[in-house]
Amino acid sequence: WQGLMDWIESVMLTQESNINPEDLKLVNIVD
């Protein structure tokens, strides 16, 4: 899952501002 979340952060959030920083906190990644 980390690759997907990295893309969401780098492209959806940082590059395009299509989500808010708080939205990243809606998901937890565990092993």
Full PDB file with SEQRES, HELIX, SHEET, SSBOND, CRYST1, ORIGX, SCALE, CONECT and MASTER records, all heavy atoms in Angstrom:
SEQRES   1 A   31  TRP GLN GLY LEU MET ASP TRP ILE GLU SER VAL MET LEU          
SEQRES   2 A   31  THR GLN GLU SER ASN ILE ASN PRO GLU ASP LEU LYS LEU          
SEQRES   3 A   31  VAL ASN ILE VAL ASP                                          
HELIX    1 AA1 GLN A    2  TRP A    7  1                                   6    
HELIX    2 AA2 ILE A    8  GLN A   15  3                                   8    
HELIX    3 AA3 PRO A   21  LEU A   26  5                                   6    
CRYST1    1.000    1.000    1.000  90.00  90.00  90.00 P 1           1          
ORIGX1      1.000000  0.000000  0.000000        0.00000                         
ORIGX2      0.000000  1.000000  0.000000        0.00000                         
ORIGX3      0.000000  0.000000  1.000000        0.00000                         
SCALE1      1.000000  0.000000  0.000000        0.00000                         
SCALE2      0.000000  1.000000  0.000000        0.00000                         
SCALE3      0.000000  0.000000  1.000000        0.00000                         
ATOM      1  N   TRP A   1       0.785  -1.224   0.000  1.00  0.00           N  
ATOM      2  CA  TRP A   1       0.000   0.000   0.000  1.00  0.00           C  
ATOM      3  C   TRP A   1       0.825   1.286   0.000  1.00  0.00           C  
ATOM      4  O   TRP A   1       0.297   2.352  -0.353  1.00  0.00           O  
ATOM      5  CB  TRP A   1      -0.916   0.026   1.222  1.00  0.00           C  
ATOM      6  CG  TRP A   1      -1.966  -1.035   1.208  1.00  0.00           C  
ATOM      7  CD1 TRP A   1      -2.041  -2.131   2.019  1.00  0.00           C  
ATOM      8  CD2 TRP A   1      -3.098  -1.109   0.341  1.00  0.00           C  
ATOM      9  NE1 TRP A   1      -3.146  -2.890   1.718  1.00  0.00           N  
ATOM     10  CE2 TRP A   1      -3.815  -2.284   0.695  1.00  0.00           C  
ATOM     11  CE3 TRP A   1      -3.586  -0.297  -0.686  1.00  0.00           C  
ATOM     12  CZ2 TRP A   1      -4.995  -2.648   0.044  1.00  0.00           C  
ATOM     13  CZ3 TRP A   1      -4.749  -0.670  -1.340  1.00  0.00           C  
ATOM     14  CH2 TRP A   1      -5.442  -1.830  -0.968  1.00  0.00           C  
ATOM     15  N   GLN A   2       2.099   1.234   0.399  1.00  0.00           N  
ATOM     16  CA  GLN A   2       2.846   2.469   0.585  1.00  0.00           C  
ATOM     17  C   GLN A   2       2.989   3.268  -0.714  1.00  0.00           C  
ATOM     18  O   GLN A   2       2.932   4.506  -0.699  1.00  0.00           O  
ATOM     19  CB  GLN A   2       4.229   2.184   1.162  1.00  0.00           C  
ATOM     20  CG  GLN A   2       4.941   3.438   1.686  1.00  0.00           C  
ATOM     21  CD  GLN A   2       4.181   4.108   2.819  1.00  0.00           C  
ATOM     22  OE1 GLN A   2       3.921   3.483   3.849  1.00  0.00           O  
ATOM     23  NE2 GLN A   2       3.806   5.379   2.641  1.00  0.00           N  
ATOM     24  N   GLY A   3       3.159   2.587  -1.833  1.00  0.00           N  
ATOM     25  CA  GLY A   3       3.289   3.292  -3.111  1.00  0.00           C  
ATOM     26  C   GLY A   3       2.046   4.103  -3.445  1.00  0.00           C  
ATOM     27  O   GLY A   3       2.135   5.241  -3.936  1.00  0.00           O  
ATOM     28  N   LEU A   4       0.880   3.526  -3.188  1.00  0.00           N  
ATOM     29  CA  LEU A   4      -0.375   4.244  -3.417  1.00  0.00           C  
ATOM     30  C   LEU A   4      -0.466   5.476  -2.527  1.00  0.00           C  
ATOM     31  O   LEU A   4      -0.820   6.573  -2.990  1.00  0.00           O  
ATOM     32  CB  LEU A   4      -1.560   3.317  -3.154  1.00  0.00           C  
ATOM     33  CG  LEU A   4      -2.952   3.966  -3.178  1.00  0.00           C  
ATOM     34  CD1 LEU A   4      -3.273   4.520  -4.559  1.00  0.00           C  
ATOM     35  CD2 LEU A   4      -4.018   2.961  -2.733  1.00  0.00           C  
ATOM     36  N   MET A   5      -0.147   5.306  -1.248  1.00  0.00           N  
ATOM     37  CA  MET A   5      -0.241   6.425  -0.323  1.00  0.00           C  
ATOM     38  C   MET A   5       0.787   7.508  -0.648  1.00  0.00           C  
ATOM     39  O   MET A   5       0.514   8.709  -0.488  1.00  0.00           O  
ATOM     40  CB  MET A   5      -0.067   5.933   1.115  1.00  0.00           C  
ATOM     41  CG  MET A   5      -1.163   4.976   1.582  1.00  0.00           C  
ATOM     42  SD  MET A   5      -2.842   5.619   1.312  1.00  0.00           S  
ATOM     43  CE  MET A   5      -2.833   7.085   2.344  1.00  0.00           C  
ATOM     44  N   ASP A   6       1.968   7.101  -1.123  1.00  0.00           N  
ATOM     45  CA  ASP A   6       2.980   8.089  -1.533  1.00  0.00           C  
ATOM     46  C   ASP A   6       2.463   8.912  -2.713  1.00  0.00           C  
ATOM     47  O   ASP A   6       2.668  10.132  -2.768  1.00  0.00           O  
ATOM     48  CB  ASP A   6       4.286   7.387  -1.918  1.00  0.00           C  
ATOM     49  CG  ASP A   6       5.015   6.809  -0.712  1.00  0.00           C  
ATOM     50  OD1 ASP A   6       4.689   7.205   0.433  1.00  0.00           O  
ATOM     51  OD2 ASP A   6       5.902   5.953  -0.912  1.00  0.00           O  
ATOM     52  N   TRP A   7       1.807   8.250  -3.669  1.00  0.00           N  
ATOM     53  CA  TRP A   7       1.243   8.963  -4.824  1.00  0.00           C  
ATOM     54  C   TRP A   7       0.134   9.916  -4.388  1.00  0.00           C  
ATOM     55  O   TRP A   7       0.061  11.053  -4.855  1.00  0.00           O  
ATOM     56  CB  TRP A   7       0.703   7.954  -5.841  1.00  0.00           C  
ATOM     57  CG  TRP A   7       0.041   8.620  -7.009  1.00  0.00           C  
ATOM     58  CD1 TRP A   7       0.629   9.133  -8.119  1.00  0.00           C  
ATOM     59  CD2 TRP A   7      -1.368   8.877  -7.159  1.00  0.00           C  
ATOM     60  NE1 TRP A   7      -0.304   9.694  -8.959  1.00  0.00           N  
ATOM     61  CE2 TRP A   7      -1.537   9.542  -8.395  1.00  0.00           C  
ATOM     62  CE3 TRP A   7      -2.482   8.602  -6.371  1.00  0.00           C  
ATOM     63  CZ2 TRP A   7      -2.794   9.944  -8.857  1.00  0.00           C  
ATOM     64  CZ3 TRP A   7      -3.736   9.002  -6.833  1.00  0.00           C  
ATOM     65  CH2 TRP A   7      -3.882   9.661  -8.062  1.00  0.00           C  
ATOM     66  N   ILE A   8      -0.718   9.465  -3.485  1.00  0.00           N  
ATOM     67  CA  ILE A   8      -1.785  10.325  -2.982  1.00  0.00           C  
ATOM     68  C   ILE A   8      -1.198  11.585  -2.344  1.00  0.00           C  
ATOM     69  O   ILE A   8      -1.681  12.700  -2.573  1.00  0.00           O  
ATOM     70  CB  ILE A   8      -2.662   9.560  -1.967  1.00  0.00           C  
ATOM     71  CG1 ILE A   8      -3.505   8.508  -2.704  1.00  0.00           C  
ATOM     72  CG2 ILE A   8      -3.560  10.512  -1.180  1.00  0.00           C  
ATOM     73  CD1 ILE A   8      -4.286   7.593  -1.789  1.00  0.00           C  
ATOM     74  N   GLU A   9      -0.119  11.404  -1.568  1.00  0.00           N  
ATOM     75  CA  GLU A   9       0.489  12.556  -0.896  1.00  0.00           C  
ATOM     76  C   GLU A   9       1.225  13.465  -1.869  1.00  0.00           C  
ATOM     77  O   GLU A   9       1.084  14.695  -1.821  1.00  0.00           O  
ATOM     78  CB  GLU A   9       1.452  12.084   0.195  1.00  0.00           C  
ATOM     79  CG  GLU A   9       2.073  13.231   0.972  1.00  0.00           C  
ATOM     80  CD  GLU A   9       2.901  12.766   2.155  1.00  0.00           C  
ATOM     81  OE1 GLU A   9       3.045  11.540   2.356  1.00  0.00           O  
ATOM     82  OE2 GLU A   9       3.418  13.626   2.894  1.00  0.00           O  
ATOM     83  N   SER A  10       2.014  12.876  -2.772  1.00  0.00           N  
ATOM     84  CA  SER A  10       2.858  13.698  -3.642  1.00  0.00           C  
ATOM     85  C   SER A  10       2.088  14.333  -4.799  1.00  0.00           C  
ATOM     86  O   SER A  10       2.384  15.476  -5.196  1.00  0.00           O  
ATOM     87  CB  SER A  10       4.021  12.859  -4.201  1.00  0.00           C  
ATOM     88  OG  SER A  10       3.533  11.805  -5.009  1.00  0.00           O  
ATOM     89  N   VAL A  11       1.099  13.617  -5.334  1.00  0.00           N  
ATOM     90  CA  VAL A  11       0.371  14.124  -6.506  1.00  0.00           C  
ATOM     91  C   VAL A  11      -0.981  14.732  -6.117  1.00  0.00           C  
ATOM     92  O   VAL A  11      -1.245  15.907  -6.387  1.00  0.00           O  
ATOM     93  CB  VAL A  11       0.172  13.015  -7.564  1.00  0.00           C  
ATOM     94  CG1 VAL A  11      -0.622  13.553  -8.762  1.00  0.00           C  
ATOM     95  CG2 VAL A  11       1.519  12.480  -8.030  1.00  0.00           C  
ATOM     96  N   MET A  12      -1.821  13.961  -5.481  1.00  0.00           N  
ATOM     97  CA  MET A  12      -3.159  14.468  -5.148  1.00  0.00           C  
ATOM     98  C   MET A  12      -3.097  15.652  -4.188  1.00  0.00           C  
ATOM     99  O   MET A  12      -3.823  16.630  -4.358  1.00  0.00           O  
ATOM    100  CB  MET A  12      -4.011  13.352  -4.537  1.00  0.00           C  
ATOM    101  CG  MET A  12      -4.394  12.262  -5.510  1.00  0.00           C  
ATOM    102  SD  MET A  12      -5.416  10.968  -4.743  1.00  0.00           S  
ATOM    103  CE  MET A  12      -6.936  11.846  -4.496  1.00  0.00           C  
ATOM    104  N   LEU A  13      -2.225  15.533  -3.171  1.00  0.00           N  
ATOM    105  CA  LEU A  13      -2.138  16.591  -2.159  1.00  0.00           C  
ATOM    106  C   LEU A  13      -1.178  17.698  -2.566  1.00  0.00           C  
ATOM    107  O   LEU A  13      -1.578  18.853  -2.768  1.00  0.00           O  
ATOM    108  CB  LEU A  13      -1.715  15.996  -0.818  1.00  0.00           C  
ATOM    109  CG  LEU A  13      -1.425  16.997   0.306  1.00  0.00           C  
ATOM    110  CD1 LEU A  13      -2.666  17.811   0.633  1.00  0.00           C  
ATOM    111  CD2 LEU A  13      -0.883  16.278   1.531  1.00  0.00           C  
ATOM    112  N   THR A  14       0.107  17.366  -2.709  1.00  0.00           N  
ATOM    113  CA  THR A  14       1.138  18.387  -2.909  1.00  0.00           C  
ATOM    114  C   THR A  14       1.072  19.025  -4.288  1.00  0.00           C  
ATOM    115  O   THR A  14       1.118  20.256  -4.430  1.00  0.00           O  
ATOM    116  CB  THR A  14       2.533  17.776  -2.683  1.00  0.00           C  
ATOM    117  OG1 THR A  14       2.571  17.155  -1.397  1.00  0.00           O  
ATOM    118  CG2 THR A  14       3.610  18.841  -2.788  1.00  0.00           C  
ATOM    119  N   GLN A  15       0.967  18.205  -5.323  1.00  0.00           N  
ATOM    120  CA  GLN A  15       1.018  18.729  -6.690  1.00  0.00           C  
ATOM    121  C   GLN A  15      -0.290  19.368  -7.130  1.00  0.00           C  
ATOM    122  O   GLN A  15      -0.299  20.450  -7.724  1.00  0.00           O  
ATOM    123  CB  GLN A  15       1.406  17.603  -7.657  1.00  0.00           C  
ATOM    124  CG  GLN A  15       1.562  18.033  -9.113  1.00  0.00           C  
ATOM    125  CD  GLN A  15       2.044  16.884  -9.978  1.00  0.00           C  
ATOM    126  OE1 GLN A  15       2.973  16.166  -9.619  1.00  0.00           O  
ATOM    127  NE2 GLN A  15       1.392  16.697 -11.118  1.00  0.00           N  
ATOM    128  N   GLU A  16      -1.412  18.711  -6.857  1.00  0.00           N  
ATOM    129  CA  GLU A  16      -2.694  19.176  -7.391  1.00  0.00           C  
ATOM    130  C   GLU A  16      -3.642  19.772  -6.350  1.00  0.00           C  
ATOM    131  O   GLU A  16      -4.664  20.352  -6.706  1.00  0.00           O  
ATOM    132  CB  GLU A  16      -3.407  18.006  -8.103  1.00  0.00           C  
ATOM    133  CG  GLU A  16      -2.629  17.412  -9.269  1.00  0.00           C  
ATOM    134  CD  GLU A  16      -2.439  18.375 -10.413  1.00  0.00           C  
ATOM    135  OE1 GLU A  16      -3.233  19.343 -10.517  1.00  0.00           O  
ATOM    136  OE2 GLU A  16      -1.503  18.187 -11.207  1.00  0.00           O  
ATOM    137  N   SER A  17      -3.338  19.625  -5.069  1.00  0.00           N  
ATOM    138  CA  SER A  17      -4.191  20.151  -3.984  1.00  0.00           C  
ATOM    139  C   SER A  17      -5.635  19.666  -4.091  1.00  0.00           C  
ATOM    140  O   SER A  17      -6.593  20.417  -3.850  1.00  0.00           O  
ATOM    141  CB  SER A  17      -4.167  21.689  -3.987  1.00  0.00           C  
ATOM    142  OG  SER A  17      -2.858  22.175  -3.796  1.00  0.00           O  
ATOM    143  N   ASN A  18      -5.805  18.403  -4.437  1.00  0.00           N  
ATOM    144  CA  ASN A  18      -7.146  17.833  -4.576  1.00  0.00           C  
ATOM    145  C   ASN A  18      -7.685  17.250  -3.275  1.00  0.00           C  
ATOM    146  O   ASN A  18      -8.860  16.842  -3.218  1.00  0.00           O  
ATOM    147  CB  ASN A  18      -7.152  16.757  -5.664  1.00  0.00           C  
ATOM    148  CG  ASN A  18      -7.074  17.362  -7.056  1.00  0.00           C  
ATOM    149  OD1 ASN A  18      -7.551  18.465  -7.281  1.00  0.00           O  
ATOM    150  ND2 ASN A  18      -6.474  16.641  -7.986  1.00  0.00           N  
ATOM    151  N   ILE A  19      -6.856  17.146  -2.258  1.00  0.00           N  
ATOM    152  CA  ILE A  19      -7.291  16.744  -0.922  1.00  0.00           C  
ATOM    153  C   ILE A  19      -6.607  17.647   0.093  1.00  0.00           C  
ATOM    154  O   ILE A  19      -5.721  18.441  -0.265  1.00  0.00           O  
ATOM    155  CB  ILE A  19      -6.954  15.257  -0.625  1.00  0.00           C  
ATOM    156  CG1 ILE A  19      -5.435  15.021  -0.691  1.00  0.00           C  
ATOM    157  CG2 ILE A  19      -7.695  14.323  -1.560  1.00  0.00           C  
ATOM    158  CD1 ILE A  19      -5.006  13.640  -0.229  1.00  0.00           C  
ATOM    159  N   ASN A  20      -7.025  17.544   1.340  1.00  0.00           N  
ATOM    160  CA  ASN A  20      -6.412  18.313   2.419  1.00  0.00           C  
ATOM    161  C   ASN A  20      -5.398  17.463   3.181  1.00  0.00           C  
ATOM    162  O   ASN A  20      -5.516  16.225   3.196  1.00  0.00           O  
ATOM    163  CB  ASN A  20      -7.481  18.801   3.396  1.00  0.00           C  
ATOM    164  CG  ASN A  20      -8.439  19.778   2.755  1.00  0.00           C  
ATOM    165  OD1 ASN A  20      -8.024  20.630   1.959  1.00  0.00           O  
ATOM    166  ND2 ASN A  20      -9.714  19.662   3.090  1.00  0.00           N  
ATOM    167  N   PRO A  21      -4.410  18.089   3.816  1.00  0.00           N  
ATOM    168  CA  PRO A  21      -3.437  17.319   4.599  1.00  0.00           C  
ATOM    169  C   PRO A  21      -4.096  16.420   5.645  1.00  0.00           C  
ATOM    170  O   PRO A  21      -3.622  15.314   5.910  1.00  0.00           O  
ATOM    171  CB  PRO A  21      -2.580  18.415   5.258  1.00  0.00           C  
ATOM    172  CG  PRO A  21      -2.674  19.570   4.323  1.00  0.00           C  
ATOM    173  CD  PRO A  21      -4.073  19.525   3.776  1.00  0.00           C  
ATOM    174  N   GLU A  22      -5.198  16.877   6.240  1.00  0.00           N  
ATOM    175  CA  GLU A  22      -5.890  16.090   7.256  1.00  0.00           C  
ATOM    176  C   GLU A  22      -6.434  14.779   6.700  1.00  0.00           C  
ATOM    177  O   GLU A  22      -6.610  13.813   7.435  1.00  0.00           O  
ATOM    178  CB  GLU A  22      -7.038  16.902   7.863  1.00  0.00           C  
ATOM    179  CG  GLU A  22      -6.596  18.017   8.790  1.00  0.00           C  
ATOM    180  CD  GLU A  22      -5.899  17.469  10.030  1.00  0.00           C  
ATOM    181  OE1 GLU A  22      -6.447  16.543  10.656  1.00  0.00           O  
ATOM    182  OE2 GLU A  22      -4.802  17.960  10.355  1.00  0.00           O  
ATOM    183  N   ASP A  23      -6.702  14.747   5.402  1.00  0.00           N  
ATOM    184  CA  ASP A  23      -7.273  13.539   4.796  1.00  0.00           C  
ATOM    185  C   ASP A  23      -6.315  12.358   4.863  1.00  0.00           C  
ATOM    186  O   ASP A  23      -6.741  11.196   4.885  1.00  0.00           O  
ATOM    187  CB  ASP A  23      -7.666  13.803   3.335  1.00  0.00           C  
ATOM    188  CG  ASP A  23      -8.794  14.814   3.215  1.00  0.00           C  
ATOM    189  OD1 ASP A  23      -9.598  14.912   4.165  1.00  0.00           O  
ATOM    190  OD2 ASP A  23      -8.872  15.493   2.175  1.00  0.00           O  
ATOM    191  N   LEU A  24      -5.016  12.648   4.889  1.00  0.00           N  
ATOM    192  CA  LEU A  24      -4.034  11.560   4.964  1.00  0.00           C  
ATOM    193  C   LEU A  24      -4.121  10.823   6.294  1.00  0.00           C  
ATOM    194  O   LEU A  24      -3.717   9.662   6.395  1.00  0.00           O  
ATOM    195  CB  LEU A  24      -2.616  12.118   4.777  1.00  0.00           C  
ATOM    196  CG  LEU A  24      -2.293  12.726   3.408  1.00  0.00           C  
ATOM    197  CD1 LEU A  24      -0.882  13.309   3.423  1.00  0.00           C  
ATOM    198  CD2 LEU A  24      -2.428  11.689   2.295  1.00  0.00           C  
ATOM    199  N   LYS A  25      -4.665  11.488   7.304  1.00  0.00           N  
ATOM    200  CA  LYS A  25      -4.765  10.877   8.626  1.00  0.00           C  
ATOM    201  C   LYS A  25      -5.956   9.924   8.750  1.00  0.00           C  
ATOM    202  O   LYS A  25      -6.144   9.291   9.787  1.00  0.00           O  
ATOM    203  CB  LYS A  25      -4.870  11.954   9.695  1.00  0.00           C  
ATOM    204  CG  LYS A  25      -3.649  12.880   9.748  1.00  0.00           C  
ATOM    205  CD  LYS A  25      -3.840  13.975  10.790  1.00  0.00           C  
ATOM    206  CE  LYS A  25      -2.647  14.930  10.809  1.00  0.00           C  
ATOM    207  NZ  LYS A  25      -2.831  16.026  11.795  1.00  0.00           N  
ATOM    208  N   LEU A  26      -6.758   9.838   7.692  1.00  0.00           N  
ATOM    209  CA  LEU A  26      -7.922   8.938   7.720  1.00  0.00           C  
ATOM    210  C   LEU A  26      -7.521   7.475   7.581  1.00  0.00           C  
ATOM    211  O   LEU A  26      -8.322   6.582   7.840  1.00  0.00           O  
ATOM    212  CB  LEU A  26      -8.901   9.303   6.600  1.00  0.00           C  
ATOM    213  CG  LEU A  26      -9.515  10.703   6.648  1.00  0.00           C  
ATOM    214  CD1 LEU A  26     -10.413  10.928   5.444  1.00  0.00           C  
ATOM    215  CD2 LEU A  26     -10.282  10.905   7.945  1.00  0.00           C  
ATOM    216  N   VAL A  27      -6.269   7.236   7.173  1.00  0.00           N  
ATOM    217  CA  VAL A  27      -5.817   5.876   6.869  1.00  0.00           C  
ATOM    218  C   VAL A  27      -4.592   5.531   7.709  1.00  0.00           C  
ATOM    219  O   VAL A  27      -3.684   6.356   7.878  1.00  0.00           O  
ATOM    220  CB  VAL A  27      -5.473   5.737   5.370  1.00  0.00           C  
ATOM    221  CG1 VAL A  27      -4.900   4.366   5.073  1.00  0.00           C  
ATOM    222  CG2 VAL A  27      -6.714   5.985   4.518  1.00  0.00           C  
ATOM    223  N   ASN A  28      -4.567   4.318   8.238  1.00  0.00           N  
ATOM    224  CA  ASN A  28      -3.400   3.790   8.959  1.00  0.00           C  
ATOM    225  C   ASN A  28      -2.818   2.627   8.155  1.00  0.00           C  
ATOM    226  O   ASN A  28      -3.564   1.793   7.629  1.00  0.00           O  
ATOM    227  CB  ASN A  28      -3.823   3.254  10.331  1.00  0.00           C  
ATOM    228  CG  ASN A  28      -4.499   4.304  11.184  1.00  0.00           C  
ATOM    229  OD1 ASN A  28      -3.860   5.019  11.927  1.00  0.00           O  
ATOM    230  ND2 ASN A  28      -5.823   4.403  11.082  1.00  0.00           N  
ATOM    231  N   ILE A  29      -1.493   2.554   8.066  1.00  0.00           N  
ATOM    232  CA  ILE A  29      -0.836   1.431   7.391  1.00  0.00           C  
ATOM    233  C   ILE A  29      -0.069   0.620   8.426  1.00  0.00           C  
ATOM    234  O   ILE A  29       0.722   1.172   9.192  1.00  0.00           O  
ATOM    235  CB  ILE A  29       0.128   1.901   6.291  1.00  0.00           C  
ATOM    236  CG1 ILE A  29      -0.590   2.815   5.284  1.00  0.00           C  
ATOM    237  CG2 ILE A  29       0.707   0.696   5.558  1.00  0.00           C  
ATOM    238  CD1 ILE A  29       0.305   3.296   4.164  1.00  0.00           C  
ATOM    239  N   VAL A  30      -0.314  -0.688   8.448  1.00  0.00           N  
ATOM    240  CA  VAL A  30       0.344  -1.571   9.417  1.00  0.00           C  
ATOM    241  C   VAL A  30       0.874  -2.804   8.703  1.00  0.00           C  
ATOM    242  O   VAL A  30       0.567  -3.045   7.534  1.00  0.00           O  
ATOM    243  CB  VAL A  30      -0.622  -1.992  10.547  1.00  0.00           C  
ATOM    244  CG1 VAL A  30      -1.210  -0.773  11.252  1.00  0.00           C  
ATOM    245  CG2 VAL A  30      -1.744  -2.878  10.002  1.00  0.00           C  
ATOM    246  N   ASP A  31       1.642  -3.596   9.441  1.00  0.00           N  
ATOM    247  CA  ASP A  31       2.238  -4.794   8.854  1.00  0.00           C  
ATOM    248  C   ASP A  31       1.856  -6.088   9.560  1.00  0.00           C  
ATOM    249  O   ASP A  31       2.164  -7.168   9.057  1.00  0.00           O  
ATOM    250  CB  ASP A  31       3.771  -4.675   8.847  1.00  0.00           C  
ATOM    251  CG  ASP A  31       4.307  -4.222   7.494  1.00  0.00           C  
ATOM    252  OD1 ASP A  31       3.645  -4.482   6.474  1.00  0.00           O  
ATOM    253  OD2 ASP A  31       5.376  -3.594   7.469  1.00  0.00           O  
TER     254      ASP A  31                                                      
MASTER        0    0    0    3    0    0    0    6  253    1    0    3          
END                                                                             
